[in-house]
């Protein structure tokens, strides 16, 4: 769980960087298991070492030269083992990106949300092509690594066979020259064979330990990296948010997504951010709630304080395979009865309480049937209401609504906008939508185009300005 917890402290921006995301995938899927194996491998190595040392003690009584040869052999093999372990590790690092893509295709093929379009659009052929390409990349890495590993293992076997041959020659010479008895030859030879067996086992184990240590270094690098996001309770309330000359660019982007953004949003005010697709609306919303930090410019509140005091309903909101209660009440007070009252109130506000009361398990009903045979399947609009209820229950100073009624039917949309004043009371409300007809009640509207704020004002003021807002409003009216 430490890895999971640490991942939340990493900047959301880092997940947009393919290399950093691949590192995270690598640490999560391979690093932890290998580090856990490190302890077992070290204990086993110590046991083998003690056995070998006791046998060496027996051999050294008869001949010191054999021990010297054994030490030289161990040194050579240890170096070859180190080289071999590095090849294993480098291959796994190189394979992580390929494995992540193959894992994505695997998920697409079994997750329910993709099932409909896979059948409608026959996407399998495209996914098969992508799978075959990545599989060939995987085979290529394995072939390149296999050649290097084969050379190193051949050298290992040569050293072992040479060691065994030299020992037999030395013992045979001592036996012929009457320096040791035949019985001593048998005892020494059997001891040396057992030393060789233990050495062979150590040869197999040492690369794994070296490899485990490399994984440990990767995890240490991940865990002890300076935290980009600090989660704390922040102060109780935020009265205003001021942005001055804020600019932002994604790690992999060449151009700024947002530039020279200036805003002032006060508590108790409802503001809207509108613009064409790709204008930067959602990115700006993520800055306002603390998920992204600007590359330049100033923002009046710290990132941790914005995070602690924000409730958000994303356009691509998430619903978890848990009970309705757990999906809505994320931070429990410890008093279940009190929490349930708050959950029911939130459900009443979004118009979902009556339906849930009719369910046999009510708030304990699990959403989705993937892990619970008695789970329920809710419509897209009902799931969106669950997400809104979750945001309302947090009762944060900042409420960000990104297309909050996108999955609603006409009646649900009307119900939502009737309660909009109530749910936004005494908050900083940031509303993102393409439906301009709903913006008449907004205190201020920011129009974004190509990452810049090109217009600002109320609905009526913007209609009079004859700018982009009026063009979008008139275009919307033509399609009604």
Foldseek 3Di string as FASTA:
>chain_A
DLLVVLVVLAFPLLCVPLLSVLLSQLLVPPLVVLLVVLVVLVVVLVVLVVLLVVLVVVLVVQPVVLVVLVVVLLVVLLVLLLVLLVLVLVLSSVLSSLVVLLVVLVCLVPDPVNVVVCVVVVCVVVSVVVNVVSVVVNVVSCVVSVVVNVVSVVVNVVSLVVSLVVVLVVLVVCCVVVVDDPVVSVSSNVSVVSSSVSSVVVSVSSSSNSNSVVSVVSVCCSSPPPGPHDADLADAADFKKWWAQFWADRPPDPDILAGGDTDIFGWQFAEEEEEDPSLCQVVVVCCQQLSDPTPDTDMPDHSNNSVNQEFEQAPPHDADQFFLLCLQCVDDPPDVVVSVVLLLVLCVLLVNNVVLVPDPVRRRATDDCPPPVRHDDDAPQVVLSSSSSSSLSSVGQEYEYAPSRVRPDPVSVVSNLVCVSVSRGRHRYYYYDLPCVSQQPGQKYFYGGSNYGPDMGGPVVVCVVPDPSVVSNVVVVVVD
